[in-house]
Amino acid sequence: MGSVGGEDPADPGPADVWPAILWIAVGIYAFAAAPEAFAWWKGAAYFLIGAPLMLLVTGTATARLRRAVVEMVSEVFPQRDRLTDAVLLMLRGLLAAIEVMLVLFAASGTMQLLG
C-alpha cells in the first residue's frame, strides 16, 4: 500500500532532535531559576548524559512512532483525501502533546533525583 504523505514506512529515518532540545531548554530554565542546584557534577550529569540519552531513546522512539502512525492511517484510509489529512493531523498533534509531556516529566524527575 502507498503511504500517506509520501513517506516510506520501511525507512525509520533519523531520530527526532526536538526531545533533546526540549531537555536542554528545561535544564537552562532550571539553571537560570536556581544556579546553586546545578553543582558541577549535577550539571554534567544532566546536560552531558541526559541530552544524548534523550536524543537516542526518545528521539528514535518518536520518529518510529510517527512512521507507524502514518503507516496505520494509510492502511485504514488507502486513498488520500481531506478526511485522511484531518485524521493524520489530529493524531500527530496528539502524539506531539504526549511526547512533550513525557520529556517534561523525565526532565522534572531527573532534576528531583539530582536534588
N, C-alpha and C. Protein backbone atom coordinates (compact mmCIF):
# COMPACT_ATOMS: atom_id res chain seq x y z
N MET A 1 0.83 -1.19 0.00
CA MET A 1 0.00 0.00 0.00
C MET A 1 0.87 1.24 0.00
N GLY A 2 0.42 2.25 -0.65
CA GLY A 2 1.14 3.51 -0.64
C GLY A 2 0.97 4.21 0.70
N SER A 3 1.94 4.96 1.06
CA SER A 3 1.88 5.64 2.36
C SER A 3 1.34 7.05 2.19
N VAL A 4 0.75 7.55 3.24
CA VAL A 4 0.21 8.90 3.25
C VAL A 4 1.36 9.88 3.41
N GLY A 5 1.35 10.93 2.66
CA GLY A 5 2.37 11.96 2.81
C GLY A 5 3.66 11.66 2.06
N GLY A 6 3.69 10.58 1.29
CA GLY A 6 4.88 10.26 0.52
C GLY A 6 6.04 9.75 1.36
N GLU A 7 5.77 9.32 2.61
CA GLU A 7 6.84 8.81 3.46
C GLU A 7 6.93 7.31 3.30
N ASP A 8 8.14 6.78 3.33
CA ASP A 8 8.34 5.34 3.21
C ASP A 8 8.36 4.75 4.61
N PRO A 9 7.35 3.94 5.01
CA PRO A 9 7.31 3.41 6.36
C PRO A 9 8.42 2.41 6.65
N ALA A 10 9.03 1.83 5.63
CA ALA A 10 10.11 0.88 5.87
C ALA A 10 11.38 1.59 6.32
N ASP A 11 11.53 2.85 5.98
CA ASP A 11 12.70 3.63 6.37
C ASP A 11 12.38 4.41 7.65
N PRO A 12 12.99 4.04 8.80
CA PRO A 12 12.67 4.74 10.03
C PRO A 12 13.16 6.18 10.07
N GLY A 13 14.10 6.52 9.21
CA GLY A 13 14.60 7.89 9.17
C GLY A 13 15.46 8.23 10.37
N PRO A 14 15.94 9.46 10.41
CA PRO A 14 16.79 9.86 11.53
C PRO A 14 15.95 10.10 12.78
N ALA A 15 16.63 10.18 13.89
CA ALA A 15 15.97 10.45 15.16
C ALA A 15 15.50 11.90 15.19
N ASP A 16 14.39 12.13 15.88
CA ASP A 16 13.91 13.50 16.08
C ASP A 16 14.84 14.20 17.06
N VAL A 17 15.18 15.43 16.77
CA VAL A 17 16.11 16.18 17.61
C VAL A 17 15.39 16.97 18.70
N TRP A 18 14.11 17.25 18.50
CA TRP A 18 13.41 18.14 19.41
C TRP A 18 13.35 17.65 20.85
N PRO A 19 13.31 16.31 21.16
CA PRO A 19 13.31 15.94 22.58
C PRO A 19 14.58 16.38 23.31
N ALA A 20 15.73 16.28 22.64
CA ALA A 20 16.98 16.72 23.25
C ALA A 20 17.01 18.24 23.39
N ILE A 21 16.47 18.95 22.43
CA ILE A 21 16.42 20.42 22.51
C ILE A 21 15.51 20.85 23.65
N LEU A 22 14.36 20.18 23.80
CA LEU A 22 13.46 20.48 24.90
C LEU A 22 14.12 20.16 26.24
N TRP A 23 14.84 19.06 26.31
CA TRP A 23 15.57 18.66 27.52
C TRP A 23 16.57 19.75 27.91
N ILE A 24 17.32 20.24 26.95
CA ILE A 24 18.31 21.28 27.21
C ILE A 24 17.63 22.58 27.62
N ALA A 25 16.52 22.93 26.96
CA ALA A 25 15.79 24.15 27.31
C ALA A 25 15.26 24.09 28.75
N VAL A 26 14.74 22.96 29.16
CA VAL A 26 14.27 22.80 30.54
C VAL A 26 15.44 22.92 31.51
N GLY A 27 16.58 22.34 31.16
CA GLY A 27 17.76 22.45 32.02
C GLY A 27 18.26 23.88 32.14
N ILE A 28 18.25 24.61 31.05
CA ILE A 28 18.68 26.02 31.10
C ILE A 28 17.71 26.84 31.94
N TYR A 29 16.42 26.58 31.80
CA TYR A 29 15.42 27.28 32.61
C TYR A 29 15.63 26.96 34.10
N ALA A 30 15.85 25.70 34.42
CA ALA A 30 16.07 25.32 35.82
C ALA A 30 17.37 25.92 36.35
N PHE A 31 18.39 25.97 35.52
CA PHE A 31 19.65 26.57 35.94
C PHE A 31 19.50 28.06 36.18
N ALA A 32 18.74 28.73 35.32
CA ALA A 32 18.52 30.17 35.49
C ALA A 32 17.70 30.44 36.75
N ALA A 33 16.79 29.54 37.09
CA ALA A 33 15.96 29.72 38.28
C ALA A 33 16.74 29.44 39.56
N ALA A 34 17.62 28.45 39.55
CA ALA A 34 18.37 28.08 40.76
C ALA A 34 19.76 27.56 40.36
N PRO A 35 20.71 28.46 40.13
CA PRO A 35 22.04 28.01 39.68
C PRO A 35 22.76 27.14 40.71
N GLU A 36 22.46 27.33 41.99
CA GLU A 36 23.14 26.52 43.01
C GLU A 36 22.70 25.06 42.97
N ALA A 37 21.57 24.78 42.33
CA ALA A 37 21.09 23.40 42.23
C ALA A 37 21.92 22.58 41.24
N PHE A 38 22.66 23.27 40.38
CA PHE A 38 23.48 22.57 39.40
C PHE A 38 24.95 22.66 39.82
N ALA A 39 25.34 21.81 40.74
CA ALA A 39 26.75 21.69 41.07
C ALA A 39 27.45 21.15 39.82
N TRP A 40 28.75 21.16 39.80
CA TRP A 40 29.45 20.77 38.58
C TRP A 40 29.07 19.37 38.14
N TRP A 41 28.94 18.42 39.06
CA TRP A 41 28.62 17.06 38.65
C TRP A 41 27.15 16.92 38.26
N LYS A 42 26.28 17.71 38.88
CA LYS A 42 24.86 17.64 38.54
C LYS A 42 24.60 18.20 37.15
N GLY A 43 25.25 19.31 36.85
CA GLY A 43 25.10 19.89 35.52
C GLY A 43 25.67 18.98 34.45
N ALA A 44 26.84 18.39 34.75
CA ALA A 44 27.44 17.46 33.78
C ALA A 44 26.55 16.24 33.58
N ALA A 45 26.00 15.73 34.67
CA ALA A 45 25.13 14.56 34.55
C ALA A 45 23.88 14.90 33.76
N TYR A 46 23.29 16.05 34.03
CA TYR A 46 22.05 16.42 33.35
C TYR A 46 22.29 16.70 31.88
N PHE A 47 23.26 17.57 31.58
CA PHE A 47 23.44 18.00 30.19
C PHE A 47 24.25 17.01 29.36
N LEU A 48 25.34 16.49 29.88
CA LEU A 48 26.22 15.64 29.07
C LEU A 48 25.74 14.20 28.95
N ILE A 49 24.97 13.75 29.92
CA ILE A 49 24.44 12.38 29.84
C ILE A 49 22.99 12.39 29.39
N GLY A 50 22.21 13.32 29.94
CA GLY A 50 20.78 13.34 29.66
C GLY A 50 20.41 13.72 28.24
N ALA A 51 21.06 14.74 27.69
CA ALA A 51 20.70 15.19 26.33
C ALA A 51 20.98 14.12 25.27
N PRO A 52 22.16 13.49 25.26
CA PRO A 52 22.36 12.43 24.27
C PRO A 52 21.43 11.24 24.50
N LEU A 53 21.13 10.95 25.77
CA LEU A 53 20.21 9.86 26.06
C LEU A 53 18.81 10.18 25.54
N MET A 54 18.37 11.43 25.71
CA MET A 54 17.07 11.85 25.18
C MET A 54 17.06 11.75 23.66
N LEU A 55 18.15 12.16 23.03
CA LEU A 55 18.23 12.09 21.58
C LEU A 55 18.18 10.65 21.11
N LEU A 56 18.92 9.78 21.78
CA LEU A 56 18.99 8.38 21.35
C LEU A 56 17.68 7.64 21.60
N VAL A 57 17.17 7.73 22.82
CA VAL A 57 15.99 6.94 23.18
C VAL A 57 14.71 7.60 22.71
N THR A 58 14.45 8.79 23.20
CA THR A 58 13.17 9.44 22.91
C THR A 58 13.10 9.89 21.45
N GLY A 59 14.19 10.42 20.93
CA GLY A 59 14.19 10.87 19.54
C GLY A 59 13.94 9.74 18.56
N THR A 60 14.57 8.60 18.80
CA THR A 60 14.36 7.45 17.94
C THR A 60 12.94 6.91 18.09
N ALA A 61 12.46 6.85 19.33
CA ALA A 61 11.11 6.34 19.56
C ALA A 61 10.05 7.23 18.91
N THR A 62 10.20 8.55 19.02
CA THR A 62 9.20 9.44 18.42
C THR A 62 9.21 9.35 16.89
N ALA A 63 10.39 9.24 16.31
CA ALA A 63 10.47 9.12 14.85
C ALA A 63 9.80 7.83 14.38
N ARG A 64 10.05 6.74 15.08
CA ARG A 64 9.44 5.46 14.69
C ARG A 64 7.93 5.46 14.94
N LEU A 65 7.51 6.10 16.02
CA LEU A 65 6.08 6.17 16.33
C LEU A 65 5.34 6.97 15.28
N ARG A 66 5.92 8.07 14.85
CA ARG A 66 5.28 8.87 13.80
C ARG A 66 5.17 8.08 12.49
N ARG A 67 6.21 7.33 12.17
CA ARG A 67 6.16 6.49 10.96
C ARG A 67 5.09 5.42 11.09
N ALA A 68 4.94 4.84 12.27
CA ALA A 68 3.93 3.80 12.48
C ALA A 68 2.53 4.39 12.34
N VAL A 69 2.32 5.59 12.83
CA VAL A 69 1.00 6.23 12.71
C VAL A 69 0.68 6.50 11.25
N VAL A 70 1.65 6.98 10.50
CA VAL A 70 1.43 7.23 9.07
C VAL A 70 1.08 5.92 8.36
N GLU A 71 1.77 4.85 8.72
CA GLU A 71 1.50 3.55 8.10
C GLU A 71 0.10 3.04 8.47
N MET A 72 -0.29 3.20 9.74
CA MET A 72 -1.62 2.75 10.16
C MET A 72 -2.72 3.55 9.47
N VAL A 73 -2.53 4.86 9.36
CA VAL A 73 -3.54 5.69 8.70
C VAL A 73 -3.63 5.33 7.23
N SER A 74 -2.51 5.03 6.59
CA SER A 74 -2.56 4.66 5.18
C SER A 74 -3.22 3.30 4.97
N GLU A 75 -3.19 2.43 5.97
CA GLU A 75 -3.90 1.16 5.86
C GLU A 75 -5.40 1.34 6.05
N VAL A 76 -5.78 2.21 6.97
CA VAL A 76 -7.20 2.44 7.23
C VAL A 76 -7.84 3.27 6.11
N PHE A 77 -7.12 4.28 5.65
CA PHE A 77 -7.59 5.16 4.57
C PHE A 77 -6.64 5.03 3.39
N PRO A 78 -6.88 4.06 2.48
CA PRO A 78 -5.93 3.84 1.38
C PRO A 78 -5.82 5.00 0.41
N GLN A 79 -6.90 5.80 0.26
CA GLN A 79 -6.84 6.94 -0.65
C GLN A 79 -6.71 8.21 0.17
N ARG A 80 -5.83 9.07 -0.26
CA ARG A 80 -5.60 10.32 0.46
C ARG A 80 -6.67 11.34 0.09
N ASP A 81 -7.32 11.89 1.10
CA ASP A 81 -8.31 12.94 0.90
C ASP A 81 -8.30 13.85 2.12
N ARG A 82 -9.27 14.73 2.21
CA ARG A 82 -9.30 15.69 3.34
C ARG A 82 -9.49 14.99 4.67
N LEU A 83 -10.32 13.95 4.70
CA LEU A 83 -10.54 13.21 5.94
C LEU A 83 -9.25 12.56 6.41
N THR A 84 -8.51 11.97 5.51
CA THR A 84 -7.24 11.35 5.86
C THR A 84 -6.27 12.38 6.41
N ASP A 85 -6.20 13.52 5.75
CA ASP A 85 -5.31 14.59 6.22
C ASP A 85 -5.72 15.09 7.60
N ALA A 86 -7.04 15.22 7.83
CA ALA A 86 -7.52 15.69 9.13
C ALA A 86 -7.21 14.69 10.23
N VAL A 87 -7.44 13.40 9.95
CA VAL A 87 -7.13 12.36 10.95
C VAL A 87 -5.65 12.33 11.24
N LEU A 88 -4.84 12.40 10.21
CA LEU A 88 -3.39 12.39 10.39
C LEU A 88 -2.90 13.60 11.18
N LEU A 89 -3.47 14.76 10.89
CA LEU A 89 -3.10 15.98 11.61
C LEU A 89 -3.47 15.88 13.09
N MET A 90 -4.68 15.37 13.37
CA MET A 90 -5.10 15.24 14.76
C MET A 90 -4.25 14.22 15.51
N LEU A 91 -3.92 13.11 14.88
CA LEU A 91 -3.08 12.11 15.53
C LEU A 91 -1.67 12.62 15.78
N ARG A 92 -1.13 13.36 14.82
CA ARG A 92 0.20 13.93 15.01
C ARG A 92 0.20 14.96 16.14
N GLY A 93 -0.85 15.77 16.23
CA GLY A 93 -0.96 16.73 17.33
C GLY A 93 -1.05 16.05 18.67
N LEU A 94 -1.85 14.99 18.75
CA LEU A 94 -1.98 14.23 19.98
C LEU A 94 -0.66 13.59 20.38
N LEU A 95 0.02 12.99 19.41
CA LEU A 95 1.32 12.39 19.69
C LEU A 95 2.34 13.42 20.14
N ALA A 96 2.34 14.58 19.50
CA ALA A 96 3.29 15.63 19.89
C ALA A 96 3.04 16.08 21.32
N ALA A 97 1.78 16.23 21.70
CA ALA A 97 1.48 16.63 23.08
C ALA A 97 1.92 15.58 24.08
N ILE A 98 1.70 14.31 23.76
CA ILE A 98 2.11 13.23 24.65
C ILE A 98 3.64 13.17 24.75
N GLU A 99 4.32 13.34 23.63
CA GLU A 99 5.78 13.29 23.62
C GLU A 99 6.37 14.43 24.44
N VAL A 100 5.81 15.63 24.30
CA VAL A 100 6.29 16.78 25.07
C VAL A 100 6.11 16.53 26.55
N MET A 101 4.95 15.99 26.93
CA MET A 101 4.70 15.72 28.34
C MET A 101 5.68 14.67 28.88
N LEU A 102 5.97 13.65 28.10
CA LEU A 102 6.92 12.63 28.56
C LEU A 102 8.31 13.20 28.77
N VAL A 103 8.76 14.05 27.86
CA VAL A 103 10.08 14.66 28.01
C VAL A 103 10.10 15.59 29.23
N LEU A 104 9.04 16.37 29.42
CA LEU A 104 8.99 17.27 30.57
C LEU A 104 8.94 16.49 31.89
N PHE A 105 8.19 15.41 31.93
CA PHE A 105 8.15 14.58 33.14
C PHE A 105 9.51 13.94 33.41
N ALA A 106 10.19 13.49 32.36
CA ALA A 106 11.52 12.91 32.53
C ALA A 106 12.51 13.95 33.04
N ALA A 107 12.44 15.17 32.51
CA ALA A 107 13.34 16.23 32.96
C ALA A 107 13.05 16.60 34.41
N SER A 108 11.78 16.71 34.75
CA SER A 108 11.41 17.04 36.13
C SER A 108 11.85 15.94 37.09
N GLY A 109 11.63 14.71 36.73
CA GLY A 109 12.06 13.60 37.57
C GLY A 109 13.57 13.53 37.74
N THR A 110 14.29 13.81 36.67
CA THR A 110 15.75 13.79 36.75
C THR A 110 16.26 14.90 37.66
N MET A 111 15.64 16.08 37.56
CA MET A 111 16.06 17.18 38.44
C MET A 111 15.75 16.87 39.90
N GLN A 112 14.66 16.20 40.16
CA GLN A 112 14.36 15.81 41.53
C GLN A 112 15.33 14.74 42.04
N LEU A 113 15.73 13.83 41.16
CA LEU A 113 16.71 12.82 41.56
C LEU A 113 18.08 13.44 41.84
N LEU A 114 18.44 14.43 41.05
CA LEU A 114 19.73 15.08 41.26
C LEU A 114 19.70 15.97 42.50
N GLY A 115 18.51 16.30 42.93
CA GLY A 115 18.34 17.03 44.19
C GLY A 115 18.61 18.46 44.12
